[in-house]
Amino acid sequence: MKLYPLKFKPIYQQRIWGGTALKDYFGKDIPAGVKIGESWELADLPGARSEVINGPLAGKTIDQVLALYPKQITGLSDYKPPFPLLIKLLDAQDVLSLQVHPDLNTCRKTGKGDPKTECWYMIDVKEGACIYKCLKPGTTPEQFRAAIEDGTCADYLEKVAVKPGECHFLPSGTVHAIGAGLLIAEIQQPSDTTYRVFDWNRIDETTGKGRQLHVEDALESIHFDSSGDNLTVEDTGRLVDAPEFKVDKGHRAKNNQVLIDAGVMRVIVTITGGGIIEPADSDIETFTFKRGDTFLIPASFTGSMTLKQDTQYLIVTL
């Protein structure tokens, strides 16, 4: 098999805080009348494995493809599943719950869950939109527990105004919440372990009840000494350089053409514009992509990207 850029069928997730921005902004074919908060663009989790929709491998899931061509795709001689990235597009029309993801030490200590370090790239930001990232310096577990019980959590949170092109890095253990009015690309470890600390006293329309909280697990997971001061990078060059993954802002080279060398697996998240990929091997078909497309370029692939003038994209590598 001569491997080629792989595109996947999005997995849409209904969320109480979602809306229609994924359709309005990216043209995603989301279900009508349903609040869609997340489009899982590339996932390898039980019950949510992305399916290839282009080329000879169409119909196979990401785990099946990696079982056939592990080194050719990842570039790793010792690859072990699951696929180490989870790529999402998020439409936050309302504020998300205040939450935290455990780090590896906490998972080992408690014997449950998986770590999740993540980052948020701000695509579209409505006026006044913000995120909540980290606790105010000096906040103790005892103070925060009392604030959860009396509904005053926001008094202890760092509220951060955001703008398009910012990338916010959130290591495991960082308490956080996405505010209303944000369209975000989220890159993370392949985990869906989320401990909900507080949900703003919100009622789920479908159940008539508040959503479940995980206060004890959350307090066990939060890094009370962390600071958000160094967790934001502007829209230029390398955005994230972490052991879990790297994220770079794509650039346009001379004549809007970018060479693709073999040896490194790349996941491309297209923010604006689009283009075509010309394989160096004439037996492989040309690949066309547009705004909102996420695709995987195998490590064994060589070729070039020709981009539209207004193209902006993220490059995710291991």
Protein backbone atom coordinates (compact mmCIF):
# COMPACT_ATOMS: atom_id res chain seq x y z
CA MET A 1 0.00 0.00 0.00
CA LYS A 2 1.31 3.43 -0.97
CA LEU A 3 0.03 5.58 1.88
CA TYR A 4 -1.59 8.95 1.28
CA PRO A 5 -3.17 11.80 3.31
CA LEU A 6 -6.05 10.31 5.30
CA LYS A 7 -9.30 12.16 5.93
CA PHE A 8 -11.80 10.97 8.55
CA LYS A 9 -15.54 11.12 9.15
CA PRO A 10 -16.26 13.58 11.98
CA ILE A 11 -17.88 12.20 15.13
CA TYR A 12 -20.37 14.77 16.39
CA GLN A 13 -21.10 15.11 20.10
CA GLN A 14 -24.28 16.71 21.44
CA ARG A 15 -23.56 19.07 24.33
CA ILE A 16 -25.75 21.27 26.52
CA TRP A 17 -23.48 24.22 25.68
CA GLY A 18 -23.23 23.60 21.91
CA GLY A 19 -24.82 25.26 18.89
CA THR A 20 -24.55 25.49 15.09
CA ALA A 21 -21.20 27.27 14.61
CA LEU A 22 -19.53 24.13 13.26
CA LYS A 23 -21.99 24.28 10.36
CA ASP A 24 -22.06 28.07 10.04
CA TYR A 25 -18.29 28.55 10.09
CA PHE A 26 -16.94 25.30 8.63
CA GLY A 27 -19.91 23.88 6.70
CA LYS A 28 -20.02 20.73 8.85
CA ASP A 29 -23.04 18.50 8.18
CA ILE A 30 -24.32 18.51 11.75
CA PRO A 31 -27.82 17.22 12.63
CA ALA A 32 -30.58 19.83 12.46
CA GLY A 33 -32.14 20.98 15.72
CA VAL A 34 -29.40 19.49 17.87
CA LYS A 35 -26.85 21.37 19.96
CA ILE A 36 -23.54 20.04 18.70
CA GLY A 37 -20.65 21.14 20.89
CA GLU A 38 -17.85 18.93 19.58
CA SER A 39 -16.68 17.50 16.30
CA TRP A 40 -14.16 14.75 16.99
CA GLU A 41 -12.00 15.05 13.90
CA LEU A 42 -9.54 12.29 14.76
CA ALA A 43 -10.18 9.91 17.64
CA ASP A 44 -9.16 6.45 18.78
CA LEU A 45 -11.26 5.82 21.88
CA PRO A 46 -13.55 2.87 22.66
CA GLY A 47 -16.86 3.57 20.96
CA ALA A 48 -15.44 6.55 19.08
CA ARG A 49 -12.89 5.53 16.46
CA SER A 50 -12.51 7.69 13.39
CA GLU A 51 -13.30 6.14 10.02
CA VAL A 52 -11.28 6.89 6.88
CA ILE A 53 -13.46 8.39 4.12
CA ASN A 54 -11.02 8.74 1.21
CA GLY A 55 -8.89 6.48 -0.97
CA PRO A 56 -8.31 2.71 -0.84
CA LEU A 57 -8.48 2.62 2.97
CA ALA A 58 -11.98 4.18 3.10
CA GLY A 59 -14.23 2.36 5.57
CA LYS A 60 -11.41 1.30 7.88
CA THR A 61 -11.11 2.84 11.33
CA ILE A 62 -7.97 4.53 12.62
CA ASP A 63 -7.04 1.55 14.81
CA GLN A 64 -7.43 -0.85 11.88
CA VAL A 65 -5.24 1.27 9.63
CA LEU A 66 -2.56 1.60 12.31
CA ALA A 67 -2.59 -2.17 12.89
CA LEU A 68 -1.74 -2.61 9.21
CA TYR A 69 0.83 0.20 8.81
CA PRO A 70 2.05 1.33 12.25
CA LYS A 71 5.54 2.55 11.36
CA GLN A 72 4.63 3.88 7.92
CA ILE A 73 1.97 6.11 9.46
CA THR A 74 3.48 7.19 12.78
CA GLY A 75 7.19 6.96 11.96
CA LEU A 76 7.62 5.08 15.26
CA SER A 77 9.29 1.68 15.32
CA ASP A 78 7.73 0.93 18.73
CA TYR A 79 4.19 2.24 18.18
CA LYS A 80 1.60 0.93 20.62
CA PRO A 81 -2.12 1.77 20.47
CA PRO A 82 -4.16 3.81 21.01
CA PHE A 83 -3.34 6.62 18.60
CA PRO A 84 -1.72 9.25 20.85
CA LEU A 85 -3.80 12.26 19.75
CA LEU A 86 -7.42 13.36 19.96
CA ILE A 87 -8.32 16.30 17.69
CA LYS A 88 -11.56 18.23 18.18
CA LEU A 89 -13.36 21.34 17.00
CA LEU A 90 -15.45 22.93 19.76
CA ASP A 91 -18.46 25.25 19.49
CA ALA A 92 -19.03 26.85 22.90
CA GLN A 93 -22.22 28.89 22.69
CA ASP A 94 -22.53 28.72 26.47
CA VAL A 95 -19.93 28.36 29.20
CA LEU A 96 -18.60 24.84 29.78
CA SER A 97 -18.40 23.26 33.19
CA LEU A 98 -15.44 23.99 35.42
CA GLN A 99 -13.33 20.86 35.20
CA VAL A 100 -9.95 19.21 35.54
CA HIS A 101 -8.20 16.20 34.01
CA PRO A 102 -5.91 14.03 36.14
CA ASP A 103 -2.20 13.68 35.48
CA LEU A 104 -0.43 10.32 35.28
CA ASN A 105 0.54 10.32 38.95
CA THR A 106 -3.05 10.93 40.04
CA CYS A 107 -4.31 8.17 37.73
CA ARG A 108 -1.83 5.74 39.25
CA LYS A 109 -2.65 6.87 42.78
CA THR A 110 -6.42 6.52 42.36
CA GLY A 111 -6.29 3.56 40.00
CA LYS A 112 -8.68 5.11 37.49
CA GLY A 113 -8.86 7.41 34.51
CA ASP A 114 -6.30 8.50 31.94
CA PRO A 115 -4.23 11.70 31.87
CA LYS A 116 -5.17 14.46 29.47
CA THR A 117 -2.92 17.35 28.59
CA GLU A 118 -4.53 19.61 26.01
CA CYS A 119 -4.36 22.95 24.23
CA TRP A 120 -6.95 25.34 22.82
CA TYR A 121 -6.38 27.35 19.64
CA MET A 122 -8.81 30.27 19.42
CA ILE A 123 -10.41 30.33 15.97
CA ASP A 124 -13.36 32.68 16.38
CA VAL A 125 -13.99 34.84 19.45
CA LYS A 126 -17.14 36.84 20.17
CA GLU A 127 -16.76 40.20 21.88
CA GLY A 128 -16.13 39.83 25.60
CA ALA A 129 -15.45 36.08 25.46
CA CYS A 130 -13.11 34.59 28.01
CA ILE A 131 -11.76 31.36 29.46
CA TYR A 132 -11.07 30.34 33.04
CA LYS A 133 -7.59 28.93 33.53
CA CYS A 134 -5.96 28.02 36.85
CA LEU A 135 -6.80 29.17 40.36
CA LYS A 136 -5.79 32.50 41.81
CA PRO A 137 -2.41 32.29 43.60
CA GLY A 138 -2.69 31.15 47.19
CA THR A 139 -5.99 29.30 46.83
CA THR A 140 -6.02 26.25 49.11
CA PRO A 141 -7.94 22.99 48.70
CA GLU A 142 -9.98 23.87 51.78
CA GLN A 143 -10.96 27.28 50.39
CA PHE A 144 -11.87 25.84 47.04
CA ARG A 145 -13.95 23.02 48.51
CA ALA A 146 -15.95 25.59 50.49
CA ALA A 147 -16.42 27.67 47.31
CA ILE A 148 -17.75 24.62 45.45
CA GLU A 149 -20.25 24.00 48.23
CA ASP A 150 -21.53 27.58 48.35
CA GLY A 151 -21.40 28.25 44.59
CA THR A 152 -18.67 30.91 44.62
CA CYS A 153 -16.02 29.06 42.57
CA ALA A 154 -15.65 31.94 40.13
CA ASP A 155 -14.17 34.10 42.89
CA TYR A 156 -11.10 31.86 42.95
CA LEU A 157 -10.57 31.46 39.19
CA GLU A 158 -8.23 33.30 36.85
CA LYS A 159 -10.53 34.79 34.21
CA VAL A 160 -8.64 35.40 30.94
CA ALA A 161 -9.85 37.48 27.99
CA VAL A 162 -8.97 35.80 24.69
CA LYS A 163 -8.56 36.70 21.04
CA PRO A 164 -8.27 34.78 17.74
CA GLY A 165 -4.87 33.25 17.13
CA GLU A 166 -4.00 32.60 20.78
CA CYS A 167 -3.07 29.12 21.88
CA HIS A 168 -3.67 28.19 25.51
CA PHE A 169 -1.76 25.19 26.87
CA LEU A 170 -3.41 23.24 29.69
CA PRO A 171 -1.31 20.49 31.27
CA SER A 172 -3.12 17.75 33.19
CA GLY A 173 -4.10 19.03 36.62
CA THR A 174 -5.05 22.54 35.40
CA VAL A 175 -8.55 23.54 36.50
CA HIS A 176 -10.28 25.25 33.58
CA ALA A 177 -13.47 26.19 31.76
CA ILE A 178 -14.22 27.49 28.26
CA GLY A 179 -16.41 30.59 28.24
CA ALA A 180 -19.34 31.32 25.93
CA GLY A 181 -18.87 32.59 22.38
CA LEU A 182 -15.78 30.63 21.36
CA LEU A 183 -14.91 28.41 18.40
CA ILE A 184 -11.83 26.38 19.27
CA ALA A 185 -9.49 23.73 17.87
CA GLU A 186 -8.56 21.40 20.70
CA ILE A 187 -5.54 19.10 20.56
CA GLN A 188 -5.16 16.64 23.41
CA GLN A 189 -4.09 13.25 24.62
CA PRO A 190 -6.55 10.45 23.77
CA SER A 191 -8.53 10.51 27.00
CA ASP A 192 -12.10 11.36 27.88
CA THR A 193 -11.48 11.44 31.65
CA THR A 194 -13.03 14.67 32.89
CA TYR A 195 -13.80 15.54 36.49
CA ARG A 196 -16.53 18.19 36.65
CA VAL A 197 -15.99 20.59 39.56
CA PHE A 198 -18.88 23.00 39.06
CA ASP A 199 -21.52 23.54 36.37
CA TRP A 200 -22.73 27.06 37.15
CA ASN A 201 -25.97 25.67 38.67
CA ARG A 202 -27.13 24.77 35.16
CA ILE A 203 -30.03 22.41 34.40
CA ASP A 204 -29.84 19.97 31.47
CA GLU A 205 -32.91 20.51 29.25
CA THR A 206 -33.04 16.82 28.32
CA THR A 207 -33.05 15.51 31.90
CA GLY A 208 -34.37 18.41 33.94
CA LYS A 209 -31.52 17.88 36.38
CA GLY A 210 -28.08 19.29 37.03
CA ARG A 211 -25.16 17.34 35.60
CA GLN A 212 -23.11 15.06 37.81
CA LEU A 213 -20.15 16.59 39.64
CA HIS A 214 -16.94 14.78 40.62
CA VAL A 215 -15.74 16.95 43.46
CA GLU A 216 -13.51 14.49 45.32
CA ASP A 217 -11.78 13.26 42.16
CA ALA A 218 -11.36 16.86 41.00
CA LEU A 219 -9.79 18.05 44.25
CA GLU A 220 -7.43 15.08 44.12
CA SER A 221 -6.41 16.03 40.56
CA ILE A 222 -6.03 19.83 40.70
CA HIS A 223 -2.52 21.29 40.84
CA PHE A 224 -3.13 24.07 43.35
CA ASP A 225 0.33 25.55 42.81
CA SER A 226 0.07 25.93 39.01
CA SER A 227 -0.04 29.29 37.25
CA GLY A 228 -1.48 30.26 33.88
CA ASP A 229 1.07 33.01 33.28
CA ASN A 230 3.22 30.97 30.88
CA LEU A 231 0.48 28.91 29.26
CA THR A 232 -0.43 31.27 26.40
CA VAL A 233 1.34 31.61 23.05
CA GLU A 234 0.55 34.15 20.34
CA ASP A 235 -0.28 33.24 16.76
CA THR A 236 3.22 32.58 15.46
CA GLY A 237 5.65 29.68 15.01
CA ARG A 238 5.59 26.88 17.57
CA LEU A 239 2.57 27.07 19.83
CA VAL A 240 3.08 23.98 22.00
CA ASP A 241 6.26 22.03 22.68
CA ALA A 242 5.30 19.36 25.20
CA PRO A 243 6.25 15.68 25.68
CA GLU A 244 2.70 14.70 24.69
CA PHE A 245 2.58 16.60 21.35
CA LYS A 246 3.88 19.59 19.41
CA VAL A 247 1.72 22.20 17.67
CA ASP A 248 3.01 24.64 15.05
CA LYS A 249 1.27 27.37 13.12
CA GLY A 250 1.56 26.56 9.44
CA HIS A 251 3.22 28.98 7.08
CA ARG A 252 3.17 29.74 3.39
CA ALA A 253 6.45 29.48 1.59
CA LYS A 254 7.42 30.89 -1.80
CA ASN A 255 4.60 30.57 -4.37
CA ASN A 256 2.34 29.32 -1.53
CA GLN A 257 3.96 25.90 -1.78
CA VAL A 258 5.17 23.85 1.20
CA LEU A 259 7.28 20.72 0.77
CA ILE A 260 6.37 17.58 2.72
CA ASP A 261 9.33 15.40 3.58
CA ALA A 262 9.05 11.82 4.80
CA GLY A 263 9.97 10.77 8.34
CA VAL A 264 7.43 12.71 10.44
CA MET A 265 3.71 12.07 10.85
CA ARG A 266 1.66 15.27 10.65
CA VAL A 267 -1.95 16.00 11.50
CA ILE A 268 -3.18 19.14 9.75
CA VAL A 269 -6.10 21.18 11.11
CA THR A 270 -7.25 23.69 8.49
CA ILE A 271 -8.51 26.93 10.05
CA THR A 272 -9.10 29.01 6.91
CA GLY A 273 -8.57 28.62 3.18
CA GLY A 274 -7.49 25.26 1.82
CA GLY A 275 -5.37 23.79 -0.94
CA ILE A 276 -4.14 20.66 -2.66
CA ILE A 277 -1.45 18.12 -1.88
CA GLU A 278 0.55 16.77 -4.80
CA PRO A 279 2.21 13.41 -3.99
CA ALA A 280 5.77 12.86 -5.20
CA ASP A 281 4.59 9.40 -6.32
CA SER A 282 2.44 9.73 -9.45
CA ASP A 283 0.51 6.57 -8.50
CA ILE A 284 -1.09 8.41 -5.56
CA GLU A 285 -4.05 10.71 -6.21
CA THR A 286 -3.95 14.44 -5.56
CA PHE A 287 -5.59 15.37 -2.24
CA THR A 288 -7.81 18.46 -1.90
CA PHE A 289 -8.69 20.07 1.43
CA LYS A 290 -10.69 23.06 2.67
CA ARG A 291 -11.48 25.09 5.77
CA GLY A 292 -12.52 22.84 8.65
CA ASP A 293 -10.77 19.73 7.30
CA THR A 294 -8.48 17.71 9.55
CA PHE A 295 -6.30 15.06 7.96
CA LEU A 296 -3.32 12.85 8.73
CA ILE A 297 -0.20 12.82 6.56
CA PRO A 298 1.65 9.51 7.12
CA ALA A 299 5.35 9.63 7.98
CA SER A 300 6.15 7.68 4.79
CA PHE A 301 4.50 10.26 2.51
CA THR A 302 6.37 12.84 0.42
CA GLY A 303 4.97 15.59 -1.74
CA SER A 304 4.00 19.26 -1.57
CA MET A 305 1.09 21.45 -0.46
CA THR A 306 -0.11 24.32 -2.62
CA LEU A 307 -2.17 26.70 -0.49
CA LYS A 308 -4.77 29.37 -1.12
CA GLN A 309 -3.71 32.88 -0.18
CA ASP A 310 -5.86 33.04 2.97
CA THR A 311 -4.91 29.62 4.35
CA GLN A 312 -4.17 29.23 8.02
CA TYR A 313 -3.55 25.80 9.54
CA LEU A 314 -2.10 23.96 12.50
CA ILE A 315 0.48 21.19 12.28
CA VAL A 316 0.38 18.61 15.06
CA THR A 317 3.32 16.23 15.53
CA LEU A 318 4.54 13.87 18.25
